[in-house]
Every structure is written in C-alpha cells, then in structure tokens.
Amino acid sequence: MIKVNRRFIILTASLVLVVIGVLCVRAQYVVPIIMYHNIDENSATSRLSVSPESFKGQMNFLKSHKYNIVKLENLAGMLKKNKVPSKTIAITFDDGYENNYTSAYPVLKKLGLQATIFIIPAMIGTDGYLTWDQVIEMSESGFITIGSHTMTHPWLPTQPAQKQDSEIRDSKFAIKSHLNKEVGAFSYPLGAFNKEVREKVINAGYKIAVATNPGKRYPKHDLFAMKRLRISSTSDNLFVFWFEITGFYTWIKEHRDKD
C-alpha cells in the first residue's frame, strides 16, 4: 500500500510539473507579426531584402500549413477579447517600396492572403516607391490594408511635439484622402517610440501600432507597441522560418539579446 501511495505521489507531482511547464511556456507566446521591407534580389547584401523566390516559398508554406492569416487591425480586436485562434499570424511591410506591388502583391493575391503595407505618403511616386495608383489598386483588392509609416519617416522620439503630431496625423489624413478609407494601423519609423509618441498615436485614432523590438520591458501584446519579427535571408530555410513564427521566438530573442 505504501508503494502504491509513493507511486501515486510521484505521478501526481510529475503531472503537476508538466502542467506548470506547459502553462509557463504558453505564457511566453507572442502572436507572430512578420515584417518585410524589400522583396528583391538584394538579400545577399541587405538584411531588409527577401528574394521573390523565398517570399513565394514562405507564403506557400503559410497557406499549405493552414495558418490563420489575419488583418493586423482585426488582430487588435482578437487580442482585446483574448480570443486568438491557433496559428494566427499577421503579415506586414514597411516603407512602401514598389517591389511590394510587383513582387509581393501578385503572390498574396493569388494565394488569397491578407497583409498590411505601411507607406510614407511623402515618398509615394518617388523612385523605388509605390505610386498612388498602385496603392489604391492594392487597397481595393481586399487583400492589402494600407497603414501609416508617418509622413516623412523621421526618428520620432527626438522630434518636437508639434512635428510628432503632424507626422502621425498628416500621414493618416493623406492616406484617407486618397483611399477614402479609415486608417487604423501605424508603424513607428525604425521601430522607435517613447511614452509620448505612443500616446500621440492613440490620440490620433489608430487601433494598433507596431514597433520592431521594443524589448521585454513592454507587455507582449501592447496594442500600441506590438512586437514584430523581421524576415531576412536567414529565413530562406523554411525550417528557420517555421521556428520564427511559432510564437515563442520573440521570447527567446528578447532573452538572448540586450535591450
């Protein structure tokens, strides 16, 4: 009888440890928001570039493995309700380069995948960037949401308060005036923000704002400091890509790197 009790105690303790371990792991989960910049052939020399072939492979991976790809703005609502389906992921692009239209958009449209492109209105129509016609076409397709990346892409924390306001609000107005749609998503240039900038984004009426690596001092799902994963040539290997989008890579990265 004593032996049975000991076994029972050992099994119970083991089960408790397993449950605690699972709960601890789940607590570190961060909904993956992946970030792209250029989709071009410069991935060998630029960490902001992913080749068209790799991008296509990554999108096919998401599609074939049945990831729940959502609009970034819709993710905000899911997080507020604490109802995020498994394998949920959001796709984003910063800066609004023309290759987003020529190389990424056809793949997304063909596969029926949602993405958000954060544009800089002052750069629209200049060399290497999207035109308004391209922005409008993608927006009207239903697959692409257009977000704000400020008016001119400055380092916001060092700007005077009035400049911060104009960059955050004027870009929203410029995009809305061309698309005739509300703009609910914002991306901090270079991922840089502080308490004051974050508050101005909220006051401007955005629903969600993404950074890059705000660090472990910020909550994992702060709607106005959302953490993202930059995709580069290291993710050409689909096993690496899968590992990065598991939802746990952010926690690993934050504890590996210094803030």
C-alpha atoms as a PDB file:
ATOM      1  CA  MET A   1       0.000   0.000   0.000  1.00  0.00           C
ATOM      2  CA  ILE A   2       2.831   2.354   0.845  1.00  0.00           C
ATOM      3  CA  LYS A   3       4.488   1.626  -2.512  1.00  0.00           C
ATOM      4  CA  VAL A   4       1.250   2.420  -4.337  1.00  0.00           C
ATOM      5  CA  ASN A   5       0.944   5.710  -2.481  1.00  0.00           C
ATOM      6  CA  ARG A   6       4.519   6.625  -3.323  1.00  0.00           C
ATOM      7  CA  ARG A   7       3.907   5.894  -6.981  1.00  0.00           C
ATOM      8  CA  PHE A   8       0.744   7.940  -6.883  1.00  0.00           C
ATOM      9  CA  ILE A   9       2.594  10.840  -5.272  1.00  0.00           C
ATOM     10  CA  ILE A  10       5.393  10.644  -7.830  1.00  0.00           C
ATOM     11  CA  LEU A  11       2.941  10.502 -10.742  1.00  0.00           C
ATOM     12  CA  THR A  12       0.877  13.361  -9.345  1.00  0.00           C
ATOM     13  CA  ALA A  13       3.961  15.515  -8.761  1.00  0.00           C
ATOM     14  CA  SER A  14       5.189  14.764 -12.272  1.00  0.00           C
ATOM     15  CA  LEU A  15       1.824  15.705 -13.749  1.00  0.00           C
ATOM     16  CA  VAL A  16       1.770  18.940 -11.783  1.00  0.00           C
ATOM     17  CA  LEU A  17       5.268  19.814 -13.033  1.00  0.00           C
ATOM     18  CA  VAL A  18       4.237  19.085 -16.609  1.00  0.00           C
ATOM     19  CA  VAL A  19       1.133  21.277 -16.292  1.00  0.00           C
ATOM     20  CA  ILE A  20       3.167  24.088 -14.747  1.00  0.00           C
ATOM     21  CA  GLY A  21       5.719  23.764 -17.545  1.00  0.00           C
ATOM     22  CA  VAL A  22       3.046  23.914 -20.239  1.00  0.00           C
ATOM     23  CA  LEU A  23       1.428  26.972 -18.637  1.00  0.00           C
ATOM     24  CA  CYS A  24       4.809  28.718 -18.339  1.00  0.00           C
ATOM     25  CA  VAL A  25       5.558  28.049 -21.995  1.00  0.00           C
ATOM     26  CA  ARG A  26       2.125  29.268 -23.100  1.00  0.00           C
ATOM     27  CA  ALA A  27       2.613  32.442 -21.081  1.00  0.00           C
ATOM     28  CA  GLN A  28       5.575  33.339 -23.300  1.00  0.00           C
ATOM     29  CA  TYR A  29       3.592  33.046 -26.551  1.00  0.00           C
ATOM     30  CA  VAL A  30       3.508  36.189 -28.699  1.00  0.00           C
ATOM     31  CA  VAL A  31       1.254  36.287 -31.760  1.00  0.00           C
ATOM     32  CA  PRO A  32       3.684  36.375 -34.721  1.00  0.00           C
ATOM     33  CA  ILE A  33       3.636  39.567 -36.776  1.00  0.00           C
ATOM     34  CA  ILE A  34       6.167  39.186 -39.545  1.00  0.00           C
ATOM     35  CA  MET A  35       7.836  42.210 -41.110  1.00  0.00           C
ATOM     36  CA  TYR A  36       9.175  42.594 -44.625  1.00  0.00           C
ATOM     37  CA  HIS A  37      10.701  45.567 -46.431  1.00  0.00           C
ATOM     38  CA  ASN A  38      12.032  44.822 -49.915  1.00  0.00           C
ATOM     39  CA  ILE A  39      11.119  41.778 -51.967  1.00  0.00           C
ATOM     40  CA  ASP A  40      14.003  41.842 -54.443  1.00  0.00           C
ATOM     41  CA  GLU A  41      17.290  40.209 -55.384  1.00  0.00           C
ATOM     42  CA  ASN A  42      19.459  42.042 -52.840  1.00  0.00           C
ATOM     43  CA  SER A  43      19.058  39.636 -49.924  1.00  0.00           C
ATOM     44  CA  ALA A  44      22.741  38.671 -50.077  1.00  0.00           C
ATOM     45  CA  THR A  45      23.789  42.220 -49.184  1.00  0.00           C
ATOM     46  CA  SER A  46      20.788  43.669 -47.325  1.00  0.00           C
ATOM     47  CA  ARG A  47      19.025  42.387 -44.207  1.00  0.00           C
ATOM     48  CA  LEU A  48      15.969  44.345 -45.351  1.00  0.00           C
ATOM     49  CA  SER A  49      15.586  42.260 -48.506  1.00  0.00           C
ATOM     50  CA  VAL A  50      13.989  38.882 -49.140  1.00  0.00           C
ATOM     51  CA  SER A  51      14.213  37.293 -52.574  1.00  0.00           C
ATOM     52  CA  PRO A  52      10.983  36.842 -54.550  1.00  0.00           C
ATOM     53  CA  GLU A  53      11.607  33.084 -54.578  1.00  0.00           C
ATOM     54  CA  SER A  54      11.927  32.904 -50.788  1.00  0.00           C
ATOM     55  CA  PHE A  55       8.908  35.115 -50.261  1.00  0.00           C
ATOM     56  CA  LYS A  56       6.799  32.927 -52.516  1.00  0.00           C
ATOM     57  CA  GLY A  57       8.006  29.830 -50.670  1.00  0.00           C
ATOM     58  CA  GLN A  58       7.190  31.366 -47.291  1.00  0.00           C
ATOM     59  CA  MET A  59       3.692  32.388 -48.354  1.00  0.00           C
ATOM     60  CA  ASN A  60       3.050  28.936 -49.817  1.00  0.00           C
ATOM     61  CA  PHE A  61       4.236  27.461 -46.507  1.00  0.00           C
ATOM     62  CA  LEU A  62       1.705  29.564 -44.586  1.00  0.00           C
ATOM     63  CA  LYS A  63      -1.070  28.637 -47.000  1.00  0.00           C
ATOM     64  CA  SER A  64      -0.337  24.907 -47.172  1.00  0.00           C
ATOM     65  CA  HIS A  65       0.068  24.589 -43.394  1.00  0.00           C
ATOM     66  CA  LYS A  66      -3.254  26.359 -42.832  1.00  0.00           C
ATOM     67  CA  TYR A  67      -2.084  29.355 -40.815  1.00  0.00           C
ATOM     68  CA  ASN A  68      -4.803  31.769 -39.781  1.00  0.00           C
ATOM     69  CA  ILE A  69      -3.581  34.892 -41.575  1.00  0.00           C
ATOM     70  CA  VAL A  70      -5.459  37.960 -40.379  1.00  0.00           C
ATOM     71  CA  LYS A  71      -5.578  41.674 -40.997  1.00  0.00           C
ATOM     72  CA  LEU A  72      -3.456  43.496 -38.458  1.00  0.00           C
ATOM     73  CA  GLU A  73      -6.413  45.669 -37.427  1.00  0.00           C
ATOM     74  CA  ASN A  74      -8.537  42.560 -36.829  1.00  0.00           C
ATOM     75  CA  LEU A  75      -5.809  41.167 -34.604  1.00  0.00           C
ATOM     76  CA  ALA A  76      -6.350  44.123 -32.279  1.00  0.00           C
ATOM     77  CA  GLY A  77      -9.955  43.073 -31.732  1.00  0.00           C
ATOM     78  CA  MET A  78      -8.963  39.453 -31.125  1.00  0.00           C
ATOM     79  CA  LEU A  79      -6.419  40.434 -28.510  1.00  0.00           C
ATOM     80  CA  LYS A  80      -8.874  42.713 -26.719  1.00  0.00           C
ATOM     81  CA  LYS A  81     -11.300  39.799 -26.421  1.00  0.00           C
ATOM     82  CA  ASN A  82      -8.469  37.371 -25.644  1.00  0.00           C
ATOM     83  CA  LYS A  83      -9.734  35.155 -28.452  1.00  0.00           C
ATOM     84  CA  VAL A  84      -6.872  34.424 -30.842  1.00  0.00           C
ATOM     85  CA  PRO A  85      -7.217  31.187 -32.845  1.00  0.00           C
ATOM     86  CA  SER A  86      -4.230  28.870 -33.017  1.00  0.00           C
ATOM     87  CA  LYS A  87      -1.637  29.509 -35.744  1.00  0.00           C
ATOM     88  CA  THR A  88      -2.770  33.124 -36.132  1.00  0.00           C
ATOM     89  CA  ILE A  89      -0.259  35.372 -37.886  1.00  0.00           C
ATOM     90  CA  ALA A  90      -0.174  38.836 -39.478  1.00  0.00           C
ATOM     91  CA  ILE A  91       1.971  39.904 -42.433  1.00  0.00           C
ATOM     92  CA  THR A  92       3.349  43.452 -42.690  1.00  0.00           C
ATOM     93  CA  PHE A  93       5.597  45.503 -44.971  1.00  0.00           C
ATOM     94  CA  ASP A  94       7.369  48.734 -44.042  1.00  0.00           C
ATOM     95  CA  ASP A  95       8.181  51.768 -46.223  1.00  0.00           C
ATOM     96  CA  GLY A  96       6.041  51.048 -49.297  1.00  0.00           C
ATOM     97  CA  TYR A  97       8.629  50.006 -51.864  1.00  0.00           C
ATOM     98  CA  GLU A  98       7.486  49.447 -55.436  1.00  0.00           C
ATOM     99  CA  ASN A  99       8.585  45.808 -55.307  1.00  0.00           C
ATOM    100  CA  ASN A 100       5.825  45.235 -52.755  1.00  0.00           C
ATOM    101  CA  TYR A 101       3.461  45.751 -55.695  1.00  0.00           C
ATOM    102  CA  THR A 102       5.471  43.989 -58.415  1.00  0.00           C
ATOM    103  CA  SER A 103       6.810  41.012 -56.412  1.00  0.00           C
ATOM    104  CA  ALA A 104       4.756  40.538 -53.225  1.00  0.00           C
ATOM    105  CA  TYR A 105       1.233  41.608 -54.160  1.00  0.00           C
ATOM    106  CA  PRO A 106       0.756  39.064 -57.015  1.00  0.00           C
ATOM    107  CA  VAL A 107       1.725  36.213 -54.662  1.00  0.00           C
ATOM    108  CA  LEU A 108      -0.556  37.421 -51.874  1.00  0.00           C
ATOM    109  CA  LYS A 109      -3.451  37.935 -54.275  1.00  0.00           C
ATOM    110  CA  LYS A 110      -3.031  34.533 -55.907  1.00  0.00           C
ATOM    111  CA  LEU A 111      -2.963  32.745 -52.551  1.00  0.00           C
ATOM    112  CA  GLY A 112      -5.674  34.928 -51.028  1.00  0.00           C
ATOM    113  CA  LEU A 113      -3.528  36.143 -48.138  1.00  0.00           C
ATOM    114  CA  GLN A 114      -4.037  39.331 -46.143  1.00  0.00           C
ATOM    115  CA  ALA A 115      -1.202  41.800 -45.496  1.00  0.00           C
ATOM    116  CA  THR A 116      -0.646  45.367 -44.327  1.00  0.00           C
ATOM    117  CA  ILE A 117       1.705  47.749 -46.137  1.00  0.00           C
ATOM    118  CA  PHE A 118       2.848  50.791 -44.158  1.00  0.00           C
ATOM    119  CA  ILE A 119       3.526  53.669 -46.529  1.00  0.00           C
ATOM    120  CA  ILE A 120       5.255  57.050 -46.249  1.00  0.00           C
ATOM    121  CA  PRO A 121       2.996  59.487 -48.153  1.00  0.00           C
ATOM    122  CA  ALA A 122       5.822  61.940 -48.888  1.00  0.00           C
ATOM    123  CA  MET A 123       7.712  59.159 -50.693  1.00  0.00           C
ATOM    124  CA  ILE A 124       4.822  57.919 -52.816  1.00  0.00           C
ATOM    125  CA  GLY A 125       5.613  58.368 -56.514  1.00  0.00           C
ATOM    126  CA  THR A 126       9.352  58.819 -55.989  1.00  0.00           C
ATOM    127  CA  ASP A 127      11.963  56.457 -57.415  1.00  0.00           C
ATOM    128  CA  GLY A 128      11.701  52.957 -55.990  1.00  0.00           C
ATOM    129  CA  TYR A 129       8.472  53.577 -54.098  1.00  0.00           C
ATOM    130  CA  LEU A 130       4.840  52.809 -54.790  1.00  0.00           C
ATOM    131  CA  THR A 131       2.627  55.172 -56.757  1.00  0.00           C
ATOM    132  CA  TRP A 132      -0.807  56.216 -55.534  1.00  0.00           C
ATOM    133  CA  ASP A 133      -2.390  54.236 -58.371  1.00  0.00           C
ATOM    134  CA  GLN A 134      -0.635  51.084 -57.129  1.00  0.00           C
ATOM    135  CA  VAL A 135      -1.607  51.810 -53.531  1.00  0.00           C
ATOM    136  CA  ILE A 136      -5.242  52.333 -54.499  1.00  0.00           C
ATOM    137  CA  GLU A 137      -5.334  49.170 -56.609  1.00  0.00           C
ATOM    138  CA  MET A 138      -3.960  47.034 -53.783  1.00  0.00           C
ATOM    139  CA  SER A 139      -6.268  48.613 -51.233  1.00  0.00           C
ATOM    140  CA  GLU A 140      -9.328  47.973 -53.398  1.00  0.00           C
ATOM    141  CA  SER A 141      -8.321  44.336 -53.972  1.00  0.00           C
ATOM    142  CA  GLY A 142      -9.393  43.446 -50.444  1.00  0.00           C
ATOM    143  CA  PHE A 143      -6.130  41.639 -49.723  1.00  0.00           C
ATOM    144  CA  ILE A 144      -3.979  44.630 -48.780  1.00  0.00           C
ATOM    145  CA  THR A 145      -4.578  47.078 -45.955  1.00  0.00           C
ATOM    146  CA  ILE A 146      -2.690  50.358 -46.112  1.00  0.00           C
ATOM    147  CA  GLY A 147      -1.246  51.694 -42.881  1.00  0.00           C
ATOM    148  CA  SER A 148       0.728  54.794 -41.920  1.00  0.00           C
ATOM    149  CA  HIS A 149       4.511  54.921 -41.502  1.00  0.00           C
ATOM    150  CA  THR A 150       4.433  58.697 -40.778  1.00  0.00           C
ATOM    151  CA  MET A 151       4.594  61.440 -43.377  1.00  0.00           C
ATOM    152  CA  THR A 152       8.364  61.580 -43.931  1.00  0.00           C
ATOM    153  CA  HIS A 153       9.842  58.728 -41.829  1.00  0.00           C
ATOM    154  CA  PRO A 154      11.701  60.652 -39.094  1.00  0.00           C
ATOM    155  CA  TRP A 155      13.082  59.291 -35.814  1.00  0.00           C
ATOM    156  CA  LEU A 156      10.017  60.275 -33.796  1.00  0.00           C
ATOM    157  CA  PRO A 157      11.372  60.345 -30.201  1.00  0.00           C
ATOM    158  CA  THR A 158      13.734  63.249 -30.942  1.00  0.00           C
ATOM    159  CA  GLN A 159      11.225  65.376 -32.857  1.00  0.00           C
ATOM    160  CA  PRO A 160       9.459  68.393 -31.305  1.00  0.00           C
ATOM    161  CA  ALA A 161       5.944  67.621 -30.102  1.00  0.00           C
ATOM    162  CA  GLN A 162       4.327  69.579 -32.935  1.00  0.00           C
ATOM    163  CA  LYS A 163       6.389  67.675 -35.524  1.00  0.00           C
ATOM    164  CA  GLN A 164       5.427  64.366 -33.950  1.00  0.00           C
ATOM    165  CA  ASP A 165       1.756  65.312 -34.178  1.00  0.00           C
ATOM    166  CA  SER A 166       1.995  66.356 -37.820  1.00  0.00           C
ATOM    167  CA  GLU A 167       3.892  63.221 -38.843  1.00  0.00           C
ATOM    168  CA  ILE A 168       1.378  60.950 -37.126  1.00  0.00           C
ATOM    169  CA  ARG A 169      -1.824  62.804 -38.069  1.00  0.00           C
ATOM    170  CA  ASP A 170      -0.991  64.220 -41.512  1.00  0.00           C
ATOM    171  CA  SER A 171       0.025  60.812 -42.850  1.00  0.00           C
ATOM    172  CA  LYS A 172      -3.300  59.383 -41.683  1.00  0.00           C
ATOM    173  CA  PHE A 173      -5.191  62.186 -43.397  1.00  0.00           C
ATOM    174  CA  ALA A 174      -3.158  61.883 -46.630  1.00  0.00           C
ATOM    175  CA  ILE A 175      -3.819  58.161 -46.935  1.00  0.00           C
ATOM    176  CA  LYS A 176      -7.510  58.537 -46.134  1.00  0.00           C
ATOM    177  CA  SER A 177      -7.894  61.308 -48.703  1.00  0.00           C
ATOM    178  CA  HIS A 178      -6.544  59.032 -51.468  1.00  0.00           C
ATOM    179  CA  LEU A 179      -8.207  55.785 -50.448  1.00  0.00           C
ATOM    180  CA  ASN A 180     -11.421  57.147 -48.926  1.00  0.00           C
ATOM    181  CA  LYS A 181     -10.891  54.667 -46.092  1.00  0.00           C
ATOM    182  CA  GLU A 182     -10.104  54.988 -42.426  1.00  0.00           C
ATOM    183  CA  VAL A 183      -6.510  54.243 -41.467  1.00  0.00           C
ATOM    184  CA  GLY A 184      -6.291  52.114 -38.343  1.00  0.00           C
ATOM    185  CA  ALA A 185      -2.732  50.786 -38.310  1.00  0.00           C
ATOM    186  CA  PHE A 186       0.523  52.631 -37.627  1.00  0.00           C
ATOM    187  CA  SER A 187       4.177  51.622 -37.814  1.00  0.00           C
ATOM    188  CA  TYR A 188       6.866  53.556 -35.922  1.00  0.00           C
ATOM    189  CA  PRO A 189       9.737  54.501 -38.272  1.00  0.00           C
ATOM    190  CA  LEU A 190      12.758  52.356 -37.416  1.00  0.00           C
ATOM    191  CA  GLY A 191      10.656  50.922 -34.601  1.00  0.00           C
ATOM    192  CA  ALA A 192      11.411  53.974 -32.460  1.00  0.00           C
ATOM    193  CA  PHE A 193       8.925  55.409 -29.979  1.00  0.00           C
ATOM    194  CA  ASN A 194       8.570  56.559 -26.387  1.00  0.00           C
ATOM    195  CA  LYS A 195       5.702  57.111 -23.965  1.00  0.00           C
ATOM    196  CA  GLU A 196       4.769  60.479 -25.509  1.00  0.00           C
ATOM    197  CA  VAL A 197       4.850  59.215 -29.097  1.00  0.00           C
ATOM    198  CA  ARG A 198       2.797  56.148 -28.175  1.00  0.00           C
ATOM    199  CA  GLU A 199       0.179  58.403 -26.574  1.00  0.00           C
ATOM    200  CA  LYS A 200       0.006  60.620 -29.660  1.00  0.00           C
ATOM    201  CA  VAL A 201      -0.638  57.581 -31.859  1.00  0.00           C
ATOM    202  CA  ILE A 202      -3.520  56.574 -29.593  1.00  0.00           C
ATOM    203  CA  ASN A 203      -4.940  60.107 -29.611  1.00  0.00           C
ATOM    204  CA  ALA A 204      -4.746  60.226 -33.417  1.00  0.00           C
ATOM    205  CA  GLY A 205      -7.304  57.421 -33.564  1.00  0.00           C
ATOM    206  CA  TYR A 206      -5.241  54.427 -34.637  1.00  0.00           C
ATOM    207  CA  LYS A 207      -6.366  50.963 -33.492  1.00  0.00           C
ATOM    208  CA  ILE A 208      -2.967  49.301 -33.393  1.00  0.00           C
ATOM    209  CA  ALA A 209       0.696  50.267 -33.760  1.00  0.00           C
ATOM    210  CA  VAL A 210       3.686  48.063 -34.486  1.00  0.00           C
ATOM    211  CA  ALA A 211       7.279  48.506 -33.442  1.00  0.00           C
ATOM    212  CA  THR A 212      10.207  46.229 -34.178  1.00  0.00           C
ATOM    213  CA  ASN A 213      11.865  45.012 -30.984  1.00  0.00           C
ATOM    214  CA  PRO A 214      10.571  47.146 -28.090  1.00  0.00           C
ATOM    215  CA  GLY A 215      12.068  44.644 -25.648  1.00  0.00           C
ATOM    216  CA  LYS A 216      10.866  42.547 -22.744  1.00  0.00           C
ATOM    217  CA  ARG A 217      10.105  45.611 -20.621  1.00  0.00           C
ATOM    218  CA  TYR A 218       6.978  46.060 -22.778  1.00  0.00           C
ATOM    219  CA  PRO A 219       3.976  43.719 -22.446  1.00  0.00           C
ATOM    220  CA  LYS A 220       3.914  41.038 -25.092  1.00  0.00           C
ATOM    221  CA  HIS A 221       0.617  42.266 -26.576  1.00  0.00           C
ATOM    222  CA  ASP A 222       0.631  46.019 -26.015  1.00  0.00           C
ATOM    223  CA  LEU A 223      -1.651  47.123 -28.859  1.00  0.00           C
ATOM    224  CA  PHE A 224       0.450  50.258 -29.402  1.00  0.00           C
ATOM    225  CA  ALA A 225       3.853  48.597 -29.126  1.00  0.00           C
ATOM    226  CA  MET A 226       3.277  45.317 -30.944  1.00  0.00           C
ATOM    227  CA  LYS A 227       6.388  43.195 -31.389  1.00  0.00           C
ATOM    228  CA  ARG A 228       7.376  42.010 -34.836  1.00  0.00           C
ATOM    229  CA  LEU A 229       9.763  39.538 -36.423  1.00  0.00           C
ATOM    230  CA  ARG A 230      11.938  40.849 -39.235  1.00  0.00           C
ATOM    231  CA  ILE A 231      12.206  38.295 -42.030  1.00  0.00           C
ATOM    232  CA  SER A 232      15.559  38.231 -43.828  1.00  0.00           C
ATOM    233  CA  SER A 233      17.670  35.811 -45.862  1.00  0.00           C
ATOM    234  CA  THR A 234      18.188  33.623 -42.775  1.00  0.00           C
ATOM    235  CA  SER A 235      14.566  32.587 -43.241  1.00  0.00           C
ATOM    236  CA  ASP A 236      15.224  31.241 -46.738  1.00  0.00           C
ATOM    237  CA  ASN A 237      15.389  27.928 -44.920  1.00  0.00           C
ATOM    238  CA  LEU A 238      11.737  27.079 -44.259  1.00  0.00           C
ATOM    239  CA  PHE A 239      12.607  25.271 -41.031  1.00  0.00           C
ATOM    240  CA  VAL A 240      14.072  28.550 -39.712  1.00  0.00           C
ATOM    241  CA  PHE A 241      11.005  30.407 -40.973  1.00  0.00           C
ATOM    242  CA  TRP A 242       8.725  27.938 -39.179  1.00  0.00           C
ATOM    243  CA  PHE A 243      10.702  28.279 -35.950  1.00  0.00           C
ATOM    244  CA  GLU A 244      10.495  32.076 -36.092  1.00  0.00           C
ATOM    245  CA  ILE A 245       6.704  32.028 -36.470  1.00  0.00           C
ATOM    246  CA  THR A 246       5.972  29.503 -33.714  1.00  0.00           C
ATOM    247  CA  GLY A 247       5.093  32.356 -31.360  1.00  0.00           C
ATOM    248  CA  PHE A 248       7.950  31.645 -28.966  1.00  0.00           C
ATOM    249  CA  TYR A 249      10.876  33.050 -30.925  1.00  0.00           C
ATOM    250  CA  THR A 250      10.203  36.592 -29.675  1.00  0.00           C
ATOM    251  CA  TRP A 251      10.689  35.457 -26.067  1.00  0.00           C
ATOM    252  CA  ILE A 252      13.882  33.609 -26.989  1.00  0.00           C
ATOM    253  CA  LYS A 253      15.241  36.609 -28.886  1.00  0.00           C
ATOM    254  CA  GLU A 254      14.460  39.043 -26.062  1.00  0.00           C
ATOM    255  CA  HIS A 255      16.285  36.905 -23.526  1.00  0.00           C
ATOM    256  CA  ARG A 256      19.202  36.349 -25.875  1.00  0.00           C
ATOM    257  CA  ASP A 257      19.697  39.998 -26.821  1.00  0.00           C
ATOM    258  CA  LYS A 258      20.191  43.034 -24.668  1.00  0.00           C
ATOM    259  CA  ASP A 259      17.504  45.737 -24.745  1.00  0.00           C
END
